[in-house]
């Protein structure tokens, strides 16, 4: 069975029209969710909770799209950091 994991995260942005965080050490990780519907509900709750702060924004990252185990790794994925 294929898992379609989604990460919900957010925080204060440098510019509300951009996607650069003011402080990456202060990013709020809401959680990892097993499907888009659950992730959307979590995203919406956080977005509504912070609606009065124009610099705060939350995102949904589709974790299942970041890595396809069936494909050969790119050169950057092979680095041992």
N, C-alpha and C. Protein backbone atom coordinates (compact mmCIF):
# COMPACT_ATOMS: atom_id res chain seq x y z
N UNK A 1 0.84 -1.18 0.00
CA UNK A 1 0.00 0.00 0.00
C UNK A 1 0.89 1.25 0.00
N UNK A 2 0.59 2.19 -0.86
CA UNK A 2 1.34 3.43 -0.96
C UNK A 2 0.91 4.39 0.12
N UNK A 3 1.89 4.96 0.80
CA UNK A 3 1.59 6.00 1.78
C UNK A 3 1.77 7.36 1.13
N UNK A 4 0.87 8.26 1.41
CA UNK A 4 0.94 9.61 0.88
C UNK A 4 1.04 10.57 2.06
N UNK A 5 2.23 10.67 2.63
CA UNK A 5 2.45 11.47 3.82
C UNK A 5 2.55 12.95 3.48
N UNK A 6 2.02 13.78 4.39
CA UNK A 6 2.03 15.23 4.22
C UNK A 6 2.51 15.88 5.51
N UNK A 7 3.40 16.86 5.37
CA UNK A 7 3.94 17.61 6.50
C UNK A 7 3.29 19.00 6.52
N UNK A 8 2.80 19.40 7.68
CA UNK A 8 2.24 20.75 7.85
C UNK A 8 3.18 21.52 8.76
N UNK A 9 3.62 22.69 8.29
CA UNK A 9 4.56 23.51 9.05
C UNK A 9 4.35 24.97 8.71
N UNK A 10 4.88 25.85 9.54
CA UNK A 10 4.74 27.27 9.27
C UNK A 10 5.51 28.11 10.25
N UNK A 11 5.38 29.41 10.06
CA UNK A 11 6.06 30.36 10.94
C UNK A 11 6.01 31.75 10.36
N UNK A 12 6.79 32.63 10.96
CA UNK A 12 6.83 34.02 10.51
C UNK A 12 7.73 34.17 9.30
N UNK A 13 7.24 34.88 8.30
CA UNK A 13 7.97 35.12 7.07
C UNK A 13 8.61 36.50 7.07
N UNK A 14 9.70 36.64 6.33
CA UNK A 14 10.35 37.95 6.17
C UNK A 14 9.39 38.90 5.47
N UNK A 15 8.74 38.42 4.44
CA UNK A 15 7.80 39.20 3.64
C UNK A 15 6.56 38.35 3.42
N UNK A 16 5.38 38.84 3.78
CA UNK A 16 4.18 38.02 3.66
C UNK A 16 3.86 37.55 2.24
N UNK A 17 4.46 38.18 1.24
CA UNK A 17 4.20 37.73 -0.14
C UNK A 17 5.24 36.70 -0.59
N UNK A 18 6.20 36.36 0.28
CA UNK A 18 7.23 35.40 -0.08
C UNK A 18 7.13 34.12 0.73
N UNK A 19 8.20 33.34 0.69
CA UNK A 19 8.22 32.08 1.42
C UNK A 19 9.49 31.91 2.26
N UNK A 20 10.21 33.00 2.52
CA UNK A 20 11.43 32.94 3.32
C UNK A 20 11.09 33.18 4.79
N UNK A 21 11.46 32.23 5.63
CA UNK A 21 11.17 32.34 7.06
C UNK A 21 12.15 33.30 7.73
N UNK A 22 11.65 34.06 8.72
CA UNK A 22 12.51 34.97 9.50
C UNK A 22 13.55 34.18 10.28
N UNK A 23 13.14 33.10 10.89
CA UNK A 23 14.03 32.31 11.75
C UNK A 23 13.68 30.83 11.58
N UNK A 24 14.52 30.09 10.86
CA UNK A 24 14.21 28.67 10.61
C UNK A 24 14.25 27.84 11.89
N UNK A 25 14.92 28.33 12.91
CA UNK A 25 14.93 27.62 14.19
C UNK A 25 13.59 27.74 14.91
N UNK A 26 12.74 28.64 14.45
CA UNK A 26 11.45 28.89 15.08
C UNK A 26 10.27 28.39 14.23
N UNK A 27 10.54 27.54 13.26
CA UNK A 27 9.45 26.99 12.43
C UNK A 27 8.60 26.05 13.28
N UNK A 28 7.31 26.23 13.18
CA UNK A 28 6.36 25.39 13.92
C UNK A 28 6.01 24.17 13.07
N UNK A 29 6.40 22.99 13.55
CA UNK A 29 6.04 21.74 12.89
C UNK A 29 4.72 21.28 13.49
N UNK A 30 3.67 21.33 12.70
CA UNK A 30 2.35 20.92 13.18
C UNK A 30 2.29 19.40 13.25
N UNK A 31 2.78 18.74 12.21
CA UNK A 31 2.79 17.28 12.22
C UNK A 31 2.86 16.69 10.83
N UNK A 32 2.96 15.37 10.81
CA UNK A 32 2.94 14.59 9.56
C UNK A 32 1.62 13.83 9.55
N UNK A 33 0.94 13.90 8.42
CA UNK A 33 -0.41 13.34 8.32
C UNK A 33 -0.48 12.29 7.21
N UNK A 34 -1.35 11.28 7.38
CA UNK A 34 -1.40 10.15 6.46
C UNK A 34 -2.11 10.42 5.14
N UNK A 35 -2.76 11.56 5.04
CA UNK A 35 -3.45 11.89 3.78
C UNK A 35 -3.65 13.40 3.69
N UNK A 36 -4.00 13.85 2.50
CA UNK A 36 -4.13 15.29 2.27
C UNK A 36 -5.27 15.89 3.08
N UNK A 37 -6.37 15.18 3.21
CA UNK A 37 -7.53 15.73 3.94
C UNK A 37 -7.17 16.04 5.39
N UNK A 38 -6.47 15.15 6.05
CA UNK A 38 -6.06 15.38 7.44
C UNK A 38 -5.06 16.53 7.51
N UNK A 39 -4.14 16.58 6.56
CA UNK A 39 -3.16 17.67 6.52
C UNK A 39 -3.86 19.00 6.28
N UNK A 40 -4.82 19.01 5.39
CA UNK A 40 -5.56 20.24 5.09
C UNK A 40 -6.29 20.75 6.33
N UNK A 41 -6.91 19.84 7.06
CA UNK A 41 -7.63 20.24 8.29
C UNK A 41 -6.67 20.86 9.30
N UNK A 42 -5.49 20.26 9.46
CA UNK A 42 -4.49 20.80 10.39
C UNK A 42 -3.97 22.14 9.90
N UNK A 43 -3.71 22.24 8.60
CA UNK A 43 -3.25 23.51 8.01
C UNK A 43 -4.29 24.60 8.24
N UNK A 44 -5.54 24.29 7.96
CA UNK A 44 -6.61 25.28 8.08
C UNK A 44 -6.75 25.75 9.53
N UNK A 45 -6.65 24.84 10.48
CA UNK A 45 -6.76 25.21 11.90
C UNK A 45 -5.64 26.17 12.29
N UNK A 46 -4.41 25.88 11.86
CA UNK A 46 -3.28 26.77 12.19
C UNK A 46 -3.40 28.10 11.46
N UNK A 47 -3.81 28.07 10.22
CA UNK A 47 -3.97 29.31 9.45
C UNK A 47 -5.03 30.20 10.09
N UNK A 48 -6.12 29.62 10.53
CA UNK A 48 -7.18 30.40 11.17
C UNK A 48 -6.74 30.92 12.54
N UNK A 49 -5.93 30.13 13.26
CA UNK A 49 -5.46 30.53 14.58
C UNK A 49 -4.53 31.74 14.48
N UNK A 50 -3.82 31.86 13.37
CA UNK A 50 -2.83 32.93 13.21
C UNK A 50 -3.27 33.99 12.20
N UNK A 51 -4.55 34.05 11.91
CA UNK A 51 -5.07 34.93 10.86
C UNK A 51 -4.76 36.41 11.12
N UNK A 52 -4.60 36.81 12.35
CA UNK A 52 -4.34 38.22 12.67
C UNK A 52 -2.89 38.64 12.44
N UNK A 53 -2.00 37.68 12.18
CA UNK A 53 -0.60 37.99 11.94
C UNK A 53 -0.30 37.77 10.45
N UNK A 54 -0.18 38.86 9.71
CA UNK A 54 0.01 38.77 8.26
C UNK A 54 1.34 38.12 7.88
N UNK A 55 2.31 38.10 8.78
CA UNK A 55 3.62 37.52 8.47
C UNK A 55 3.70 36.02 8.75
N UNK A 56 2.67 35.47 9.38
CA UNK A 56 2.68 34.04 9.69
C UNK A 56 1.93 33.28 8.60
N UNK A 57 2.58 32.24 8.11
CA UNK A 57 1.97 31.43 7.06
C UNK A 57 2.29 29.96 7.30
N UNK A 58 1.34 29.10 6.96
CA UNK A 58 1.51 27.65 7.09
C UNK A 58 1.45 27.02 5.71
N UNK A 59 2.15 25.89 5.59
CA UNK A 59 2.29 25.19 4.31
C UNK A 59 2.01 23.70 4.49
N UNK A 60 1.65 23.05 3.38
CA UNK A 60 1.54 21.60 3.33
C UNK A 60 2.60 21.12 2.34
N UNK A 61 3.50 20.26 2.83
CA UNK A 61 4.51 19.66 1.96
C UNK A 61 4.11 18.22 1.68
N UNK A 62 4.13 17.84 0.44
CA UNK A 62 3.77 16.48 0.02
C UNK A 62 5.02 15.61 0.12
N UNK A 63 5.23 14.99 1.27
CA UNK A 63 6.44 14.22 1.51
C UNK A 63 6.58 13.05 0.54
N UNK A 64 5.47 12.48 0.13
CA UNK A 64 5.53 11.34 -0.78
C UNK A 64 6.08 11.73 -2.15
N UNK A 65 6.08 13.00 -2.47
CA UNK A 65 6.62 13.46 -3.75
C UNK A 65 8.13 13.73 -3.68
N UNK A 66 8.67 13.80 -2.49
CA UNK A 66 10.08 14.14 -2.34
C UNK A 66 11.01 12.99 -2.71
N UNK A 67 10.53 11.78 -2.56
CA UNK A 67 11.42 10.64 -2.81
C UNK A 67 10.63 9.51 -3.45
N UNK A 68 11.09 9.10 -4.59
CA UNK A 68 10.50 7.95 -5.27
C UNK A 68 11.52 6.82 -5.16
N UNK A 69 11.24 5.86 -4.31
CA UNK A 69 12.19 4.78 -4.05
C UNK A 69 12.53 3.97 -5.30
N UNK A 70 11.69 4.03 -6.31
CA UNK A 70 11.94 3.28 -7.53
C UNK A 70 12.93 3.94 -8.47
N UNK A 71 13.24 5.21 -8.24
CA UNK A 71 14.17 5.95 -9.10
C UNK A 71 15.56 5.96 -8.50
N UNK A 72 16.54 6.05 -9.36
CA UNK A 72 17.92 6.18 -8.91
C UNK A 72 18.09 7.54 -8.22
N UNK A 73 18.89 7.57 -7.16
CA UNK A 73 19.09 8.80 -6.40
C UNK A 73 19.88 9.81 -7.23
N UNK A 74 19.59 11.09 -6.99
CA UNK A 74 20.34 12.16 -7.65
C UNK A 74 21.69 12.30 -6.96
N UNK A 75 22.66 12.98 -7.60
CA UNK A 75 23.98 13.16 -6.98
C UNK A 75 23.91 13.85 -5.61
N UNK A 76 22.97 14.76 -5.41
CA UNK A 76 22.88 15.44 -4.13
C UNK A 76 22.35 14.51 -3.04
N UNK A 77 21.53 13.55 -3.40
CA UNK A 77 21.03 12.60 -2.41
C UNK A 77 22.11 11.62 -1.98
N UNK A 78 23.15 11.49 -2.77
CA UNK A 78 24.22 10.56 -2.46
C UNK A 78 25.26 11.13 -1.53
N UNK A 79 25.21 12.45 -1.26
CA UNK A 79 26.19 13.07 -0.38
C UNK A 79 26.02 12.59 1.05
N UNK A 80 27.13 12.35 1.73
CA UNK A 80 27.11 11.91 3.12
C UNK A 80 27.34 13.10 4.03
N UNK A 81 26.29 13.84 4.37
CA UNK A 81 26.41 14.98 5.28
C UNK A 81 26.08 14.57 6.68
